[in-house]
C-alpha cells in the first residue's frame, strides 16, 4: 500500500523508524519529508520559513501531494513538542477520507498534544506501528 507518515519535526528518528518498518512490510512511502531533496537541514523556526519561502512552498506541496496519493495516512503521536504541519496533514487525510473514503487514517503512539480530531470516526488509534502493519494485512 502507498502510505504517508507524518510527525513532528523534532521526532524525525521515530518517523524514520516507522517508515522503515512499513517498507520492510512491503509498503511504499509516498514522500519521505524527513530527507528533503536539498539536504538534511529542515526549515524549523518561522524565521527560516520566511527566509526560504520558495522552499517552504515546495515542501508544503510535496507533503499535501503525498497525502493525496496515499492509501493510508499515519500520524506519529509520540512527539514531545506540539506539531503544526502534522496536524494540517492529518486534517487533509480526514477530509479526504470523508469525501472519497481514502486514505485510511491511523494514529500511532502516546497521543501527546491531543486534538479532538484524534477522535474523529475516520481515525483508528494504535499503540505501535506493528499493530498498524497487522491491521493492514
N, C-alpha and C. Protein backbone atom coordinates (compact mmCIF):
# COMPACT_ATOMS: atom_id res chain seq x y z
N UNK A 1 0.83 -1.18 0.00
CA UNK A 1 0.00 0.00 0.00
C UNK A 1 0.88 1.25 0.00
N UNK A 2 0.33 2.31 -0.52
CA UNK A 2 1.02 3.60 -0.54
C UNK A 2 0.65 4.36 0.74
N UNK A 3 1.70 4.74 1.51
CA UNK A 3 1.48 5.30 2.84
C UNK A 3 2.27 6.59 3.02
N UNK A 4 1.62 7.58 3.66
CA UNK A 4 2.30 8.79 4.08
C UNK A 4 2.36 8.79 5.60
N UNK A 5 3.55 9.09 6.14
CA UNK A 5 3.75 9.12 7.59
C UNK A 5 4.08 10.55 8.00
N UNK A 6 3.24 11.10 8.86
CA UNK A 6 3.51 12.45 9.37
C UNK A 6 3.95 12.37 10.83
N UNK A 7 4.56 13.45 11.27
CA UNK A 7 5.02 13.53 12.64
C UNK A 7 5.61 14.90 12.89
N UNK A 8 6.03 15.12 14.11
CA UNK A 8 6.61 16.40 14.50
C UNK A 8 8.06 16.45 14.03
N UNK A 9 8.51 17.60 13.62
CA UNK A 9 9.85 17.76 13.06
C UNK A 9 10.94 17.32 14.04
N UNK A 10 10.69 17.44 15.34
CA UNK A 10 11.68 17.00 16.33
C UNK A 10 11.58 15.51 16.64
N UNK A 11 10.71 14.80 15.94
CA UNK A 11 10.51 13.37 16.14
C UNK A 11 10.92 12.58 14.88
N UNK A 12 11.87 13.15 14.13
CA UNK A 12 12.26 12.58 12.83
C UNK A 12 12.76 11.15 12.96
N UNK A 13 13.56 10.85 13.95
CA UNK A 13 14.11 9.49 14.07
C UNK A 13 13.00 8.47 14.24
N UNK A 14 11.98 8.80 15.04
CA UNK A 14 10.85 7.90 15.21
C UNK A 14 10.07 7.74 13.90
N UNK A 15 9.85 8.83 13.19
CA UNK A 15 9.15 8.77 11.89
C UNK A 15 9.93 7.90 10.92
N UNK A 16 11.24 8.04 10.88
CA UNK A 16 12.07 7.21 10.01
C UNK A 16 11.97 5.73 10.38
N UNK A 17 11.95 5.43 11.66
CA UNK A 17 11.80 4.05 12.11
C UNK A 17 10.44 3.49 11.67
N UNK A 18 9.39 4.25 11.83
CA UNK A 18 8.05 3.82 11.40
C UNK A 18 8.05 3.58 9.89
N UNK A 19 8.62 4.50 9.13
CA UNK A 19 8.68 4.34 7.67
C UNK A 19 9.44 3.07 7.29
N UNK A 20 10.55 2.83 7.94
CA UNK A 20 11.35 1.65 7.61
C UNK A 20 10.59 0.37 7.91
N UNK A 21 9.88 0.32 9.01
CA UNK A 21 9.07 -0.86 9.33
C UNK A 21 8.00 -1.09 8.27
N UNK A 22 7.41 -0.01 7.78
CA UNK A 22 6.39 -0.14 6.72
C UNK A 22 7.02 -0.64 5.42
N UNK A 23 8.17 -0.11 5.08
CA UNK A 23 8.88 -0.55 3.87
C UNK A 23 9.25 -2.03 4.00
N UNK A 24 9.77 -2.41 5.16
CA UNK A 24 10.13 -3.81 5.40
C UNK A 24 8.92 -4.74 5.28
N UNK A 25 7.73 -4.20 5.56
CA UNK A 25 6.50 -4.99 5.45
C UNK A 25 5.93 -4.97 4.02
N UNK A 26 6.65 -4.31 3.09
CA UNK A 26 6.24 -4.32 1.69
C UNK A 26 5.44 -3.12 1.23
N UNK A 27 5.36 -2.08 2.05
CA UNK A 27 4.60 -0.89 1.69
C UNK A 27 5.51 0.17 1.07
N UNK A 28 4.89 1.14 0.43
CA UNK A 28 5.60 2.24 -0.25
C UNK A 28 5.30 3.55 0.48
N UNK A 29 6.32 4.34 0.72
CA UNK A 29 6.15 5.66 1.34
C UNK A 29 5.95 6.68 0.21
N UNK A 30 4.85 7.43 0.26
CA UNK A 30 4.55 8.36 -0.83
C UNK A 30 5.51 9.54 -0.88
N UNK A 31 6.02 9.97 0.27
CA UNK A 31 7.02 11.04 0.30
C UNK A 31 7.69 11.01 1.67
N UNK A 32 9.01 10.95 1.69
CA UNK A 32 9.76 10.97 2.93
C UNK A 32 10.20 12.40 3.21
N UNK A 33 9.38 13.13 3.93
CA UNK A 33 9.67 14.53 4.23
C UNK A 33 10.86 14.68 5.17
N UNK A 34 11.29 13.58 5.82
CA UNK A 34 12.42 13.67 6.75
C UNK A 34 13.75 13.78 6.03
N UNK A 35 13.76 13.47 4.76
CA UNK A 35 15.00 13.55 3.97
C UNK A 35 14.68 14.37 2.71
N UNK A 36 14.70 15.67 2.85
CA UNK A 36 14.33 16.51 1.73
C UNK A 36 15.44 16.54 0.68
N UNK A 37 15.07 16.94 -0.51
CA UNK A 37 15.98 16.89 -1.66
C UNK A 37 17.09 17.93 -1.61
N UNK A 38 17.01 18.90 -0.71
CA UNK A 38 18.04 19.93 -0.66
C UNK A 38 18.96 19.74 0.54
N UNK A 39 18.97 18.56 1.11
CA UNK A 39 19.84 18.30 2.24
C UNK A 39 19.04 17.96 3.48
N UNK A 40 19.73 17.63 4.54
CA UNK A 40 19.06 17.22 5.77
C UNK A 40 18.60 18.38 6.64
N UNK A 41 18.95 19.62 6.30
CA UNK A 41 18.52 20.75 7.11
C UNK A 41 17.03 20.99 6.92
N UNK A 42 16.32 21.04 8.02
CA UNK A 42 14.89 21.30 7.97
C UNK A 42 14.66 22.81 8.09
N UNK A 43 13.47 23.24 7.76
CA UNK A 43 13.13 24.66 7.81
C UNK A 43 12.46 25.00 9.14
N UNK A 44 12.94 24.43 10.24
CA UNK A 44 12.35 24.72 11.54
C UNK A 44 12.46 26.19 11.87
N UNK A 45 11.50 26.68 12.61
CA UNK A 45 11.50 28.09 13.01
C UNK A 45 10.86 28.96 11.96
N UNK A 46 10.00 29.85 12.40
CA UNK A 46 9.28 30.72 11.47
C UNK A 46 10.21 31.60 10.65
N UNK A 47 11.31 32.07 11.28
CA UNK A 47 12.25 32.94 10.56
C UNK A 47 12.90 32.22 9.38
N UNK A 48 13.17 30.92 9.54
CA UNK A 48 13.76 30.16 8.43
C UNK A 48 12.76 29.97 7.29
N UNK A 49 11.50 29.77 7.62
CA UNK A 49 10.48 29.64 6.57
C UNK A 49 10.32 30.96 5.82
N UNK A 50 10.31 32.07 6.55
CA UNK A 50 10.17 33.38 5.91
C UNK A 50 11.37 33.71 5.03
N UNK A 51 12.54 33.25 5.43
CA UNK A 51 13.75 33.50 4.64
C UNK A 51 13.86 32.56 3.45
N UNK A 52 13.05 31.50 3.42
CA UNK A 52 13.09 30.50 2.35
C UNK A 52 11.68 30.16 1.87
N UNK A 53 10.92 31.17 1.50
CA UNK A 53 9.51 30.99 1.15
C UNK A 53 9.34 30.01 -0.01
N UNK A 54 10.16 30.10 -1.03
CA UNK A 54 10.02 29.19 -2.17
C UNK A 54 10.23 27.74 -1.75
N UNK A 55 11.23 27.50 -0.91
CA UNK A 55 11.50 26.15 -0.43
C UNK A 55 10.37 25.67 0.48
N UNK A 56 9.88 26.52 1.37
CA UNK A 56 8.77 26.15 2.24
C UNK A 56 7.54 25.80 1.41
N UNK A 57 7.27 26.58 0.38
CA UNK A 57 6.13 26.32 -0.50
C UNK A 57 6.29 24.98 -1.23
N UNK A 58 7.48 24.73 -1.73
CA UNK A 58 7.75 23.47 -2.44
C UNK A 58 7.50 22.27 -1.53
N UNK A 59 7.98 22.37 -0.31
CA UNK A 59 7.82 21.27 0.64
C UNK A 59 6.35 21.08 1.03
N UNK A 60 5.62 22.17 1.18
CA UNK A 60 4.19 22.06 1.51
C UNK A 60 3.44 21.34 0.40
N UNK A 61 3.76 21.65 -0.84
CA UNK A 61 3.12 20.98 -1.99
C UNK A 61 3.47 19.50 -1.99
N UNK A 62 4.75 19.16 -1.78
CA UNK A 62 5.16 17.76 -1.75
C UNK A 62 4.41 16.98 -0.67
N UNK A 63 4.27 17.57 0.50
CA UNK A 63 3.61 16.88 1.61
C UNK A 63 2.12 16.67 1.33
N UNK A 64 1.43 17.70 0.86
CA UNK A 64 -0.01 17.55 0.57
C UNK A 64 -0.22 16.60 -0.60
N UNK A 65 0.62 16.68 -1.63
CA UNK A 65 0.52 15.72 -2.74
C UNK A 65 0.70 14.29 -2.24
N UNK A 66 1.59 14.09 -1.28
CA UNK A 66 1.83 12.76 -0.73
C UNK A 66 0.61 12.26 0.04
N UNK A 67 -0.07 13.15 0.77
CA UNK A 67 -1.31 12.78 1.45
C UNK A 67 -2.37 12.41 0.42
N UNK A 68 -2.47 13.20 -0.64
CA UNK A 68 -3.45 12.93 -1.71
C UNK A 68 -3.20 11.59 -2.38
N UNK A 69 -1.95 11.22 -2.50
CA UNK A 69 -1.55 9.99 -3.21
C UNK A 69 -1.64 8.75 -2.32
N UNK A 70 -1.76 8.93 -1.02
CA UNK A 70 -1.69 7.82 -0.07
C UNK A 70 -3.01 7.05 0.04
N UNK A 71 -2.85 5.75 0.26
CA UNK A 71 -3.99 4.90 0.61
C UNK A 71 -4.14 4.83 2.12
N UNK A 72 -3.06 5.15 2.82
CA UNK A 72 -3.03 5.13 4.28
C UNK A 72 -2.26 6.36 4.75
N UNK A 73 -2.79 7.01 5.79
CA UNK A 73 -2.08 8.12 6.43
C UNK A 73 -1.84 7.72 7.87
N UNK A 74 -0.57 7.83 8.30
CA UNK A 74 -0.20 7.51 9.67
C UNK A 74 0.40 8.75 10.30
N UNK A 75 -0.14 9.14 11.44
CA UNK A 75 0.43 10.25 12.20
C UNK A 75 1.08 9.68 13.46
N UNK A 76 2.36 9.97 13.63
CA UNK A 76 3.10 9.55 14.82
C UNK A 76 2.82 10.56 15.93
N UNK A 77 2.33 10.08 17.07
CA UNK A 77 1.87 11.00 18.11
C UNK A 77 2.69 10.93 19.40
N UNK A 78 3.92 10.41 19.31
CA UNK A 78 4.80 10.36 20.48
C UNK A 78 5.57 11.66 20.68
N UNK A 79 5.37 12.63 19.82
CA UNK A 79 6.16 13.85 19.83
C UNK A 79 6.13 14.56 21.17
N UNK A 80 7.32 15.04 21.58
CA UNK A 80 7.45 15.78 22.84
C UNK A 80 6.93 17.21 22.72
N UNK A 81 7.06 17.79 21.53
CA UNK A 81 6.60 19.15 21.28
C UNK A 81 5.37 19.11 20.39
N UNK A 82 4.47 20.11 20.51
CA UNK A 82 3.31 20.12 19.63
C UNK A 82 3.74 20.33 18.18
N UNK A 83 3.06 19.70 17.25
CA UNK A 83 3.37 19.86 15.84
C UNK A 83 2.48 20.92 15.22
N UNK A 84 2.79 21.28 14.01
CA UNK A 84 1.92 22.16 13.23
C UNK A 84 1.56 21.45 11.94
N UNK A 85 2.58 21.19 11.12
CA UNK A 85 2.35 20.58 9.82
C UNK A 85 1.67 19.23 9.93
N UNK A 86 2.02 18.44 10.94
CA UNK A 86 1.42 17.11 11.07
C UNK A 86 -0.08 17.20 11.26
N UNK A 87 -0.55 18.28 11.91
CA UNK A 87 -1.99 18.42 12.12
C UNK A 87 -2.69 18.90 10.85
N UNK A 88 -2.02 19.67 10.05
CA UNK A 88 -2.57 20.05 8.74
C UNK A 88 -2.71 18.80 7.88
N UNK A 89 -1.66 17.96 7.87
CA UNK A 89 -1.69 16.73 7.09
C UNK A 89 -2.78 15.78 7.60
N UNK A 90 -2.93 15.69 8.92
CA UNK A 90 -3.99 14.86 9.50
C UNK A 90 -5.36 15.37 9.07
N UNK A 91 -5.55 16.67 9.12
CA UNK A 91 -6.83 17.26 8.69
C UNK A 91 -7.11 16.98 7.22
N UNK A 92 -6.09 17.09 6.39
CA UNK A 92 -6.26 16.78 4.96
C UNK A 92 -6.65 15.32 4.78
N UNK A 93 -6.01 14.42 5.51
CA UNK A 93 -6.31 12.99 5.40
C UNK A 93 -7.73 12.69 5.85
N UNK A 94 -8.17 13.30 6.95
CA UNK A 94 -9.54 13.08 7.42
C UNK A 94 -10.54 13.61 6.40
N UNK A 95 -10.29 14.80 5.86
CA UNK A 95 -11.20 15.36 4.86
C UNK A 95 -11.28 14.47 3.62
N UNK A 96 -10.14 13.97 3.17
CA UNK A 96 -10.14 13.06 2.03
C UNK A 96 -10.89 11.77 2.35
N UNK A 97 -10.69 11.24 3.54
CA UNK A 97 -11.40 10.03 3.93
C UNK A 97 -12.91 10.27 3.94
N UNK A 98 -13.32 11.41 4.39
CA UNK A 98 -14.74 11.75 4.43
C UNK A 98 -15.34 11.89 3.04
N UNK A 99 -14.56 12.41 2.10
CA UNK A 99 -15.10 12.69 0.76
C UNK A 99 -14.87 11.57 -0.25
N UNK A 100 -13.83 10.75 -0.04
CA UNK A 100 -13.57 9.69 -1.01
C UNK A 100 -13.23 8.34 -0.38
N UNK A 101 -13.38 8.25 0.94
CA UNK A 101 -13.13 7.02 1.70
C UNK A 101 -11.68 6.55 1.66
N UNK A 102 -10.76 7.42 1.35
CA UNK A 102 -9.34 7.10 1.32
C UNK A 102 -8.57 8.41 1.46
N UNK A 103 -7.51 8.40 2.23
CA UNK A 103 -6.77 7.30 2.83
C UNK A 103 -7.40 6.85 4.15
N UNK A 104 -7.06 5.62 4.54
CA UNK A 104 -7.36 5.17 5.89
C UNK A 104 -6.45 5.97 6.81
N UNK A 105 -6.93 6.33 7.99
CA UNK A 105 -6.19 7.23 8.87
C UNK A 105 -5.91 6.53 10.20
N UNK A 106 -4.62 6.49 10.57
CA UNK A 106 -4.18 5.86 11.81
C UNK A 106 -3.32 6.83 12.62
N UNK A 107 -3.47 6.75 13.93
CA UNK A 107 -2.57 7.43 14.85
C UNK A 107 -1.78 6.36 15.57
N UNK A 108 -0.48 6.61 15.76
CA UNK A 108 0.39 5.64 16.41
C UNK A 108 1.18 6.34 17.50
N UNK A 109 1.07 5.83 18.73
CA UNK A 109 1.89 6.37 19.80
C UNK A 109 1.10 6.77 21.03
N UNK A 110 1.70 7.64 21.82
CA UNK A 110 1.19 8.01 23.15
C UNK A 110 0.09 9.06 23.14
N UNK A 111 -0.27 9.59 22.00
CA UNK A 111 -1.31 10.62 21.89
C UNK A 111 -0.94 11.90 22.64
N UNK A 112 0.32 12.29 22.56
CA UNK A 112 0.73 13.56 23.14
C UNK A 112 0.09 14.70 22.36
N UNK A 113 -0.15 15.82 23.04
CA UNK A 113 -0.70 17.02 22.41
C UNK A 113 -2.00 16.71 21.68
N UNK A 114 -2.92 16.12 22.40
CA UNK A 114 -4.17 15.64 21.84
C UNK A 114 -5.00 16.72 21.17
N UNK A 115 -5.70 16.29 20.15
CA UNK A 115 -6.63 17.13 19.42
C UNK A 115 -7.97 16.41 19.38
N UNK A 116 -9.06 17.14 19.31
CA UNK A 116 -10.37 16.49 19.17
C UNK A 116 -10.41 15.64 17.91
N UNK A 117 -9.60 16.00 16.92
CA UNK A 117 -9.61 15.26 15.65
C UNK A 117 -8.98 13.87 15.77
N UNK A 118 -8.27 13.62 16.87
CA UNK A 118 -7.78 12.27 17.13
C UNK A 118 -8.96 11.31 17.29
N UNK A 119 -10.13 11.85 17.62
CA UNK A 119 -11.29 11.02 17.91
C UNK A 119 -12.36 11.09 16.82
N UNK A 120 -11.99 11.63 15.67
CA UNK A 120 -12.90 11.64 14.52
C UNK A 120 -13.20 10.19 14.13
N UNK A 121 -14.42 9.88 13.70
CA UNK A 121 -14.77 8.50 13.35
C UNK A 121 -13.90 7.87 12.26
N UNK A 122 -13.23 8.68 11.45
CA UNK A 122 -12.36 8.14 10.40
C UNK A 122 -11.02 7.66 10.93
N UNK A 123 -10.70 7.98 12.17
CA UNK A 123 -9.37 7.73 12.74
C UNK A 123 -9.38 6.48 13.61
N UNK A 124 -8.34 5.65 13.42
CA UNK A 124 -8.11 4.50 14.30
C UNK A 124 -6.82 4.74 15.06
N UNK A 125 -6.82 4.40 16.35
CA UNK A 125 -5.68 4.66 17.22
C UNK A 125 -5.02 3.35 17.62
N UNK A 126 -3.68 3.33 17.48
CA UNK A 126 -2.89 2.16 17.86
C UNK A 126 -1.69 2.59 18.69
N UNK A 127 -1.24 1.70 19.55
CA UNK A 127 -0.06 1.99 20.38
C UNK A 127 1.24 1.87 19.60
N UNK A 128 1.31 0.93 18.65
CA UNK A 128 2.56 0.66 17.94
C UNK A 128 2.34 0.54 16.44
N UNK A 129 3.41 0.76 15.69
CA UNK A 129 3.34 0.59 14.24
C UNK A 129 3.14 -0.87 13.87
N UNK A 130 3.63 -1.78 14.70
CA UNK A 130 3.43 -3.21 14.42
C UNK A 130 1.94 -3.56 14.41
N UNK A 131 1.16 -2.92 15.28
CA UNK A 131 -0.28 -3.15 15.29
C UNK A 131 -0.93 -2.63 14.00
N UNK A 132 -0.45 -1.49 13.50
CA UNK A 132 -0.98 -0.95 12.24
C UNK A 132 -0.64 -1.89 11.09
N UNK A 133 0.60 -2.36 11.05
CA UNK A 133 1.02 -3.28 9.99
C UNK A 133 0.15 -4.53 10.00
N UNK A 134 -0.16 -5.02 11.17
CA UNK A 134 -1.05 -6.20 11.29
C UNK A 134 -2.44 -5.86 10.77
N UNK A 135 -2.95 -4.68 11.10
CA UNK A 135 -4.26 -4.23 10.63
C UNK A 135 -4.32 -4.12 9.11
N UNK A 136 -3.20 -3.76 8.48
CA UNK A 136 -3.16 -3.59 7.03
C UNK A 136 -3.08 -4.91 6.25
N UNK A 137 -2.84 -6.01 6.94
CA UNK A 137 -2.73 -7.32 6.26
C UNK A 137 -4.08 -7.78 5.74
